Amino acid sequence: PGLALARQLRVKSSVTSCFHYILRNRVIYLATLLLLFPALGRGAVTTPSGVDTNPLNLDPLVRQAFDRFYILDYDGALARFEKVQEKNPDNPLAIDYVLDAVIFRELYRLDLLDTTFYAHDGFLNGKHPVAVAPGIAERVNSLFTSATALSEQQLNKRPEDVDALFARGWARSLRAVYIGLLQRSFVSALHVALQARSDNEKILKLDPRYIDAKLVVGVHQYTVGSLPFGIKILAGVAGITGSKSKGIEDLRDAGAHGVISSVEARTALGLFLRREARYEEAIAVTRSLTEQYPRDFLFRLELANLTKDIGEGKAAIKLYQQLIEQAKKPGYFPSARLELAWFGLADTLQGQKSYAEAADAYNQATAQPAISVDLKSRCDLNSGKMYDLLNQRDMALRQYEAVLRQDGDSAQAESA
């Protein structure tokens, strides 16, 4: 009996100790969670760097998909994002990933991710016919509708759910990109962009550490701040305000600390700095992207473009030529649009008054199988100008006539 009692006491003592151990560690665990993840109750989590984000953004498959996205392997990224969506059917952010890949794959196919297109205001008032691939409009509309519907279901339950606000705001911003760049309806795009900005500004009021929200706010701040003075006054009366300096500041913060917005923020920042002729800063931002993603053809192309813009023509020519040579290595660039590199090289050679070499480079660009009609017309027009400068009028006329045949209602056709 004494031995049995001792055993019972020992077991009871062990159970009690075990209970206290579990309880003590549960308290420590919960305290740690509260310290590390103060946004847990809202769905968001806090990363080790101290910024809040949707937990799905930290999923390894999501990170893998973005790695493919940022080397322009849009098919590989899309396949992974679709798997994420299958595993998370009730998360609107998962739909946003797919929407993002679908739209940017189409923009890249149409040569609409070449920043020289947006460095000045001509893309707003120029005629740029866009032939969207069959089925894209239907898929974009379906994804956008699904993402916003799921977001709003969650917001109806918790109006301050920053993850749901971000998912809806991102869907709206992507919708604005699609309407503006692919449907060429800038007024409608502005309306949707205002909604996206509103969502992201609300996020930052609720949770200032949700840094990804600064991407949309920063882009919109800069865009409105860049409007002509008269239009800006009218926009202000309508309650639409903006500041170029505040936009650049927000993009710097998102570029430095964003979880899924860092690359896009730095891309936009580089473009805006380029528009402001702050080339040294733009080059520094772009170089950070090329170092992170050396197999991204567009980042490498942009570095060459900026080197040209800053007036270092010979250095730019070397960068374009290196890019063209590197593209010959099988698989190095999952997707290389060589027409863009040839076009940049041709423009730089033209600036160096190497007209014969420039004409040849423009012709090399037009020979690329995936070149868009718009870019082909730009190349043919410029090639004709080079032949005129070389006093080869017959060759010039052939190029101008080619522009008229293939793109008779464009700004290039008017020049031709």
Protein backbone atom coordinates (compact mmCIF):
# COMPACT_ATOMS: atom_id res chain seq x y z
CA PRO A 1 0.00 0.00 0.00
CA GLY A 2 2.83 2.40 0.82
CA LEU A 3 4.50 1.76 -2.53
CA ALA A 4 1.19 2.15 -4.36
CA LEU A 5 0.54 5.46 -2.55
CA ALA A 6 4.02 6.69 -3.41
CA ARG A 7 3.44 5.81 -7.05
CA GLN A 8 0.11 7.67 -7.06
CA LEU A 9 1.69 10.75 -5.48
CA ARG A 10 4.57 10.61 -7.96
CA VAL A 11 2.16 10.31 -10.90
CA LYS A 12 0.01 13.13 -9.53
CA SER A 13 3.11 15.25 -9.01
CA SER A 14 4.30 14.50 -12.55
CA VAL A 15 0.92 15.36 -14.04
CA THR A 16 0.78 18.58 -12.01
CA SER A 17 4.33 19.49 -13.06
CA CYS A 18 3.52 18.66 -16.65
CA PHE A 19 0.35 20.79 -16.48
CA HIS A 20 2.28 23.74 -15.03
CA TYR A 21 5.01 23.27 -17.62
CA ILE A 22 2.47 23.29 -20.47
CA LEU A 23 0.61 26.24 -18.95
CA ARG A 24 3.81 28.22 -18.39
CA ASN A 25 5.04 27.55 -21.93
CA ARG A 26 1.58 28.23 -23.38
CA VAL A 27 1.68 31.66 -21.71
CA ILE A 28 5.19 32.27 -23.03
CA TYR A 29 4.10 31.09 -26.48
CA LEU A 30 1.04 33.35 -26.48
CA ALA A 31 3.09 36.29 -25.23
CA THR A 32 5.58 35.68 -28.00
CA LEU A 33 2.78 35.59 -30.55
CA LEU A 34 1.40 38.85 -29.22
CA LEU A 35 4.82 40.45 -29.46
CA LEU A 36 5.67 39.10 -32.88
CA PHE A 37 2.19 39.10 -34.39
CA PRO A 38 0.15 41.96 -32.88
CA ALA A 39 -1.99 42.03 -36.02
CA LEU A 40 -2.99 38.37 -35.68
CA GLY A 41 -6.52 39.22 -34.65
CA ARG A 42 -7.00 41.08 -37.92
CA GLY A 43 -5.66 38.21 -40.00
CA ALA A 44 -2.37 39.92 -40.77
CA VAL A 45 0.91 38.77 -39.26
CA THR A 46 4.04 40.71 -38.43
CA THR A 47 7.22 39.64 -40.18
CA PRO A 48 10.62 39.61 -38.43
CA SER A 49 11.35 42.96 -40.11
CA GLY A 50 8.40 44.49 -38.24
CA VAL A 51 5.91 45.00 -41.08
CA ASP A 52 2.44 43.50 -41.25
CA THR A 53 1.21 41.35 -44.13
CA ASN A 54 -1.26 38.67 -45.11
CA PRO A 55 0.15 35.28 -43.95
CA LEU A 56 -0.37 33.91 -47.47
CA ASN A 57 2.36 36.24 -48.75
CA LEU A 58 4.87 34.20 -46.72
CA ASP A 59 3.83 30.85 -48.19
CA PRO A 60 6.87 29.19 -49.85
CA LEU A 61 4.89 28.43 -53.03
CA VAL A 62 3.89 32.10 -53.28
CA ARG A 63 7.52 33.16 -52.92
CA GLN A 64 8.54 30.65 -55.60
CA ALA A 65 5.85 32.00 -57.91
CA PHE A 66 7.06 35.58 -57.46
CA ASP A 67 10.63 34.47 -58.16
CA ARG A 68 9.41 33.14 -61.52
CA PHE A 69 7.33 36.29 -62.07
CA TYR A 70 10.39 38.51 -61.61
CA ILE A 71 12.46 36.72 -64.20
CA LEU A 72 9.54 37.11 -66.63
CA ASP A 73 8.60 33.44 -66.58
CA TYR A 74 4.92 34.36 -66.46
CA ASP A 75 3.74 30.88 -67.40
CA GLY A 76 5.74 29.35 -64.55
CA ALA A 77 4.49 31.99 -62.13
CA LEU A 78 0.89 31.57 -63.25
CA ALA A 79 0.99 27.79 -62.82
CA ARG A 80 2.22 28.21 -59.24
CA PHE A 81 -0.26 30.96 -58.40
CA GLU A 82 -3.09 28.79 -59.71
CA LYS A 83 -2.00 26.04 -57.30
CA VAL A 84 -2.05 28.59 -54.47
CA GLN A 85 -5.57 29.58 -55.48
CA GLU A 86 -6.70 25.93 -55.52
CA LYS A 87 -5.37 25.48 -51.98
CA ASN A 88 -6.89 28.77 -50.75
CA PRO A 89 -10.24 29.08 -52.55
CA ASP A 90 -11.68 31.48 -49.96
CA ASN A 91 -8.74 33.87 -49.89
CA PRO A 92 -9.20 36.80 -52.32
CA LEU A 93 -5.47 37.50 -52.29
CA ALA A 94 -4.88 34.13 -53.96
CA ILE A 95 -7.10 35.29 -56.82
CA ASP A 96 -5.16 38.56 -57.01
CA TYR A 97 -1.95 36.64 -57.60
CA VAL A 98 -3.49 34.95 -60.64
CA LEU A 99 -4.97 38.23 -61.90
CA ASP A 100 -1.57 39.90 -61.57
CA ALA A 101 0.18 37.22 -63.63
CA VAL A 102 -2.54 37.14 -66.33
CA ILE A 103 -2.45 40.91 -66.87
CA PHE A 104 1.31 41.34 -66.81
CA ARG A 105 1.89 38.40 -69.10
CA GLU A 106 -0.36 40.12 -71.64
CA LEU A 107 1.32 43.51 -71.13
CA TYR A 108 4.70 41.91 -71.75
CA ARG A 109 3.45 40.12 -74.86
CA LEU A 110 2.32 43.47 -76.25
CA ASP A 111 5.62 45.26 -75.45
CA LEU A 112 3.78 47.47 -72.96
CA LEU A 113 6.29 46.93 -70.17
CA ASP A 114 8.98 48.90 -71.98
CA THR A 115 9.45 51.96 -69.75
CA THR A 116 10.51 54.16 -72.69
CA PHE A 117 6.81 54.05 -73.56
CA TYR A 118 5.91 55.83 -70.29
CA ALA A 119 8.92 58.07 -69.71
CA HIS A 120 7.02 60.95 -71.33
CA ASP A 121 3.34 61.81 -71.71
CA GLY A 122 2.98 60.67 -75.32
CA PHE A 123 1.44 57.35 -74.32
CA LEU A 124 -1.59 59.26 -73.00
CA ASN A 125 -2.42 61.18 -76.16
CA GLY A 126 -0.85 58.97 -78.81
CA LYS A 127 -2.68 56.35 -80.85
CA HIS A 128 -1.53 52.95 -79.69
CA PRO A 129 -3.80 50.19 -80.98
CA VAL A 130 -3.77 47.17 -78.69
CA ALA A 131 -4.82 43.69 -79.80
CA VAL A 132 -5.56 41.77 -76.60
CA ALA A 133 -5.40 37.99 -76.93
CA PRO A 134 -8.75 36.14 -77.11
CA GLY A 135 -10.18 35.19 -73.73
CA ILE A 136 -8.07 37.62 -71.71
CA ALA A 137 -10.87 40.14 -71.12
CA GLU A 138 -13.26 37.44 -69.92
CA ARG A 139 -10.69 35.95 -67.55
CA VAL A 140 -9.63 39.32 -66.14
CA ASN A 141 -13.26 40.29 -65.52
CA SER A 142 -14.01 36.94 -63.87
CA LEU A 143 -10.97 37.06 -61.58
CA PHE A 144 -11.62 40.69 -60.64
CA THR A 145 -15.26 39.97 -59.81
CA SER A 146 -14.35 36.94 -57.69
CA ALA A 147 -11.58 38.74 -55.79
CA THR A 148 -13.72 41.78 -54.95
CA ALA A 149 -16.75 39.66 -54.01
CA LEU A 150 -14.72 37.54 -51.57
CA SER A 151 -13.04 40.65 -50.13
CA GLU A 152 -16.37 42.33 -49.55
CA GLN A 153 -17.82 39.23 -47.91
CA GLN A 154 -15.00 39.40 -45.38
CA LEU A 155 -15.35 43.17 -44.96
CA ASN A 156 -19.06 42.80 -44.26
CA LYS A 157 -18.10 40.62 -41.29
CA ARG A 158 -15.07 42.71 -40.23
CA PRO A 159 -14.97 46.20 -41.78
CA GLU A 160 -11.45 46.76 -40.43
CA ASP A 161 -9.95 43.59 -41.91
CA VAL A 162 -6.77 45.00 -43.46
CA ASP A 163 -6.05 41.82 -45.40
CA ALA A 164 -9.45 41.97 -47.09
CA LEU A 165 -9.01 45.69 -47.78
CA PHE A 166 -5.61 45.03 -49.34
CA ALA A 167 -6.97 42.21 -51.50
CA ARG A 168 -9.78 44.42 -52.79
CA GLY A 169 -7.45 47.39 -53.29
CA TRP A 170 -4.93 45.29 -55.21
CA ALA A 171 -7.66 43.82 -57.42
CA ARG A 172 -8.89 47.33 -58.16
CA SER A 173 -5.41 48.61 -58.96
CA LEU A 174 -4.86 45.71 -61.37
CA ARG A 175 -8.24 46.41 -62.93
CA ALA A 176 -7.18 50.04 -63.42
CA VAL A 177 -3.98 48.90 -65.14
CA TYR A 178 -5.97 46.65 -67.46
CA ILE A 179 -8.55 49.33 -68.34
CA GLY A 180 -5.94 52.03 -68.86
CA LEU A 181 -3.21 50.20 -70.76
CA LEU A 182 -5.09 47.46 -72.56
CA GLN A 183 -8.50 49.06 -73.11
CA ARG A 184 -7.02 52.58 -73.42
CA SER A 185 -9.83 54.05 -71.29
CA PHE A 186 -7.98 56.41 -68.97
CA VAL A 187 -11.01 58.10 -67.39
CA SER A 188 -12.51 54.76 -66.35
CA ALA A 189 -9.09 53.60 -65.16
CA LEU A 190 -8.75 56.72 -63.00
CA HIS A 191 -12.11 56.02 -61.36
CA VAL A 192 -11.07 52.48 -60.39
CA ALA A 193 -7.61 53.71 -59.32
CA LEU A 194 -9.26 56.17 -56.92
CA GLN A 195 -11.12 53.27 -55.32
CA ALA A 196 -7.86 51.34 -54.99
CA ARG A 197 -6.16 54.33 -53.38
CA SER A 198 -9.06 54.72 -50.93
CA ASP A 199 -8.74 51.09 -49.82
CA ASN A 200 -5.00 51.38 -49.30
CA GLU A 201 -5.19 54.69 -47.46
CA LYS A 202 -7.72 53.13 -45.09
CA ILE A 203 -5.30 50.25 -44.49
CA LEU A 204 -2.50 52.65 -43.54
CA LYS A 205 -4.80 54.46 -41.08
CA LEU A 206 -5.79 51.16 -39.47
CA ASP A 207 -2.30 49.65 -39.57
CA PRO A 208 0.63 51.95 -40.50
CA ARG A 209 2.92 48.91 -40.61
CA TYR A 210 1.07 47.40 -43.58
CA ILE A 211 3.74 48.82 -45.87
CA ASP A 212 2.58 47.05 -49.04
CA ALA A 213 -0.36 49.48 -49.11
CA LYS A 214 2.07 52.32 -49.84
CA LEU A 215 2.63 51.08 -53.40
CA VAL A 216 -0.79 52.08 -54.74
CA VAL A 217 -0.92 55.23 -52.60
CA GLY A 218 2.55 56.28 -53.74
CA VAL A 219 1.84 55.73 -57.43
CA HIS A 220 -1.43 57.67 -57.18
CA GLN A 221 0.15 60.48 -55.15
CA TYR A 222 2.86 60.96 -57.75
CA THR A 223 0.46 60.71 -60.70
CA VAL A 224 -1.96 63.32 -59.34
CA GLY A 225 0.96 65.50 -58.29
CA SER A 226 2.24 65.39 -61.88
CA LEU A 227 -0.97 66.76 -63.40
CA PRO A 228 -0.87 70.20 -65.06
CA PHE A 229 -1.63 72.99 -62.58
CA GLY A 230 -5.13 73.74 -63.88
CA ILE A 231 -6.22 70.10 -63.85
CA LYS A 232 -4.67 69.64 -60.41
CA ILE A 233 -6.79 72.52 -59.07
CA LEU A 234 -9.95 70.91 -60.48
CA ALA A 235 -8.91 67.56 -59.01
CA GLY A 236 -8.39 69.25 -55.63
CA VAL A 237 -11.90 70.66 -55.72
CA ALA A 238 -13.13 67.10 -56.26
CA GLY A 239 -11.12 65.99 -53.23
CA ILE A 240 -8.37 64.29 -55.26
CA THR A 241 -4.98 65.41 -53.99
CA GLY A 242 -1.46 64.33 -54.76
CA SER A 243 2.18 65.17 -54.23
CA LYS A 244 5.10 63.99 -56.31
CA SER A 245 7.48 64.16 -53.35
CA LYS A 246 5.08 62.24 -51.07
CA GLY A 247 4.54 59.65 -53.79
CA ILE A 248 8.27 59.11 -54.18
CA GLU A 249 8.64 58.88 -50.40
CA ASP A 250 5.92 56.21 -50.15
CA LEU A 251 7.49 54.22 -52.99
CA ARG A 252 10.91 54.36 -51.34
CA ASP A 253 9.37 52.96 -48.14
CA ALA A 254 7.50 50.21 -50.01
CA GLY A 255 10.62 49.43 -52.02
CA ALA A 256 12.72 49.08 -48.88
CA HIS A 257 10.22 47.27 -46.61
CA GLY A 258 7.33 45.89 -48.67
CA VAL A 259 6.65 42.15 -48.53
CA ILE A 260 5.12 41.72 -51.99
CA SER A 261 5.33 45.32 -53.20
CA SER A 262 9.08 45.89 -52.99
CA VAL A 263 9.91 45.06 -56.60
CA GLU A 264 6.93 46.89 -58.10
CA ALA A 265 7.58 49.91 -55.87
CA ARG A 266 11.21 50.14 -56.98
CA THR A 267 10.16 49.69 -60.61
CA ALA A 268 7.67 52.56 -60.35
CA LEU A 269 10.18 54.62 -58.37
CA GLY A 270 12.81 54.18 -61.07
CA LEU A 271 10.32 55.24 -63.75
CA PHE A 272 9.21 58.33 -61.83
CA LEU A 273 12.79 59.36 -61.03
CA ARG A 274 13.53 58.98 -64.73
CA ARG A 275 10.61 61.27 -65.59
CA GLU A 276 12.06 63.80 -63.13
CA ALA A 277 15.46 63.51 -64.89
CA ARG A 278 16.97 62.25 -61.60
CA TYR A 279 18.94 59.68 -63.54
CA GLU A 280 21.61 58.85 -60.97
CA GLU A 281 18.94 57.96 -58.40
CA ALA A 282 16.97 56.00 -60.97
CA ILE A 283 20.08 54.05 -61.94
CA ALA A 284 20.78 53.19 -58.29
CA VAL A 285 17.22 51.89 -57.83
CA THR A 286 17.33 49.90 -61.07
CA ARG A 287 20.73 48.44 -60.25
CA SER A 288 19.28 47.09 -56.98
CA LEU A 289 16.70 45.24 -59.10
CA THR A 290 19.25 43.84 -61.55
CA GLU A 291 21.36 42.59 -58.64
CA GLN A 292 18.36 40.88 -57.06
CA TYR A 293 17.06 39.45 -60.36
CA PRO A 294 19.94 39.30 -62.87
CA ARG A 295 17.85 37.07 -65.16
CA ASP A 296 15.09 39.64 -65.51
CA PHE A 297 15.50 40.91 -69.07
CA LEU A 298 13.51 44.10 -68.48
CA PHE A 299 15.52 45.23 -65.46
CA ARG A 300 18.73 44.80 -67.43
CA LEU A 301 17.17 46.63 -70.37
CA GLU A 302 16.10 49.50 -68.12
CA LEU A 303 19.63 49.91 -66.80
CA ALA A 304 20.84 50.32 -70.38
CA ASN A 305 17.99 52.76 -71.13
CA LEU A 306 18.88 54.92 -68.14
CA THR A 307 22.57 54.89 -69.04
CA LYS A 308 21.54 56.18 -72.47
CA ASP A 309 19.30 58.84 -70.95
CA ILE A 310 22.02 60.14 -68.68
CA GLY A 311 24.14 60.83 -71.76
CA GLU A 312 26.63 57.97 -71.51
CA GLY A 313 26.02 56.72 -75.04
CA LYS A 314 29.07 54.49 -75.43
CA ALA A 315 28.45 52.79 -72.08
CA ALA A 316 24.79 52.27 -73.01
CA ILE A 317 25.73 50.73 -76.37
CA LYS A 318 27.95 48.27 -74.53
CA LEU A 319 25.12 47.34 -72.12
CA TYR A 320 22.66 46.77 -74.98
CA GLN A 321 25.17 44.63 -76.85
CA GLN A 322 25.93 42.59 -73.72
CA LEU A 323 22.22 42.05 -73.18
CA ILE A 324 21.73 40.84 -76.76
CA GLU A 325 24.70 38.50 -76.48
CA GLN A 326 23.59 37.13 -73.12
CA ALA A 327 20.15 36.39 -74.56
CA LYS A 328 21.85 33.90 -76.89
CA LYS A 329 22.68 31.66 -73.91
CA PRO A 330 19.99 28.96 -73.81
CA GLY A 331 17.65 29.45 -70.87
CA TYR A 332 19.47 32.37 -69.25
CA PHE A 333 16.53 34.71 -69.83
CA PRO A 334 13.29 32.70 -69.60
CA SER A 335 11.70 35.39 -71.73
CA ALA A 336 13.72 37.95 -73.70
CA ARG A 337 12.07 40.51 -75.96
CA LEU A 338 15.10 41.27 -78.11
CA GLU A 339 13.20 43.83 -80.18
CA LEU A 340 13.26 46.12 -77.15
CA ALA A 341 17.03 45.80 -76.77
CA TRP A 342 17.60 46.35 -80.51
CA PHE A 343 15.33 49.40 -80.39
CA GLY A 344 17.24 50.87 -77.45
CA LEU A 345 20.56 50.16 -79.16
CA ALA A 346 19.32 51.79 -82.37
CA ASP A 347 18.16 54.91 -80.52
CA THR A 348 21.54 55.19 -78.82
CA LEU A 349 23.45 54.71 -82.07
CA GLN A 350 21.27 57.41 -83.62
CA GLY A 351 22.24 59.73 -80.77
CA GLN A 352 25.89 58.96 -81.52
CA LYS A 353 25.22 59.87 -85.19
CA SER A 354 26.03 56.32 -86.29
CA TYR A 355 23.14 56.36 -88.74
CA ALA A 356 23.98 53.27 -90.77
CA GLU A 357 24.44 51.16 -87.64
CA ALA A 358 21.25 52.62 -86.18
CA ALA A 359 19.24 51.73 -89.30
CA ASP A 360 20.57 48.18 -89.11
CA ALA A 361 19.63 47.90 -85.42
CA TYR A 362 16.09 49.17 -86.11
CA ASN A 363 15.80 46.55 -88.86
CA GLN A 364 17.08 43.87 -86.47
CA ALA A 365 14.29 44.85 -84.10
CA THR A 366 11.61 44.50 -86.78
CA ALA A 367 12.97 41.05 -87.64
CA GLN A 368 12.10 39.69 -84.18
CA PRO A 369 9.09 37.36 -84.43
CA ALA A 370 7.19 38.66 -81.38
CA ILE A 371 7.44 42.38 -82.10
CA SER A 372 4.19 44.32 -81.68
CA VAL A 373 2.70 46.34 -84.52
CA ASP A 374 3.24 49.58 -82.59
CA LEU A 375 6.93 48.96 -81.95
CA LYS A 376 7.47 47.71 -85.51
CA SER A 377 6.01 50.96 -86.82
CA ARG A 378 8.26 52.99 -84.55
CA CYS A 379 11.29 51.05 -85.78
CA ASP A 380 10.35 51.31 -89.47
CA LEU A 381 9.71 55.04 -89.13
CA ASN A 382 13.04 55.67 -87.41
CA SER A 383 14.86 53.42 -89.84
CA GLY A 384 13.45 55.54 -92.68
CA LYS A 385 14.74 58.66 -90.99
CA MET A 386 18.20 57.13 -90.77
CA TYR A 387 18.17 56.36 -94.50
CA ASP A 388 17.10 59.94 -95.21
CA LEU A 389 20.05 61.20 -93.16
CA LEU A 390 22.27 58.90 -95.22
CA ASN A 391 20.77 60.37 -98.44
CA GLN A 392 19.23 57.00 -99.31
CA ARG A 393 15.81 58.35 -100.17
CA ASP A 394 14.47 55.25 -101.91
CA MET A 395 15.22 53.10 -98.85
CA ALA A 396 13.60 55.73 -96.62
CA LEU A 397 10.42 55.76 -98.69
CA ARG A 398 10.14 51.98 -98.45
CA GLN A 399 10.24 52.21 -94.67
CA TYR A 400 7.64 55.00 -94.53
CA GLU A 401 5.35 53.08 -96.85
CA ALA A 402 5.73 49.99 -94.66
CA VAL A 403 4.47 52.02 -91.69
CA LEU A 404 1.43 53.20 -93.67
CA ARG A 405 0.57 49.66 -94.77
CA GLN A 406 0.74 48.05 -91.35
CA ASP A 407 -0.50 50.83 -89.04
CA GLY A 408 -2.25 53.49 -91.08
CA ASP A 409 -4.15 55.11 -88.20
CA SER A 410 -1.27 55.60 -85.77
CA ALA A 411 0.88 58.54 -84.73
CA GLN A 412 3.76 56.83 -86.56
CA ALA A 413 1.69 56.74 -89.75
CA GLU A 414 1.03 60.46 -89.51
CA SER A 415 4.79 61.09 -89.24
CA ALA A 416 5.53 58.66 -92.07
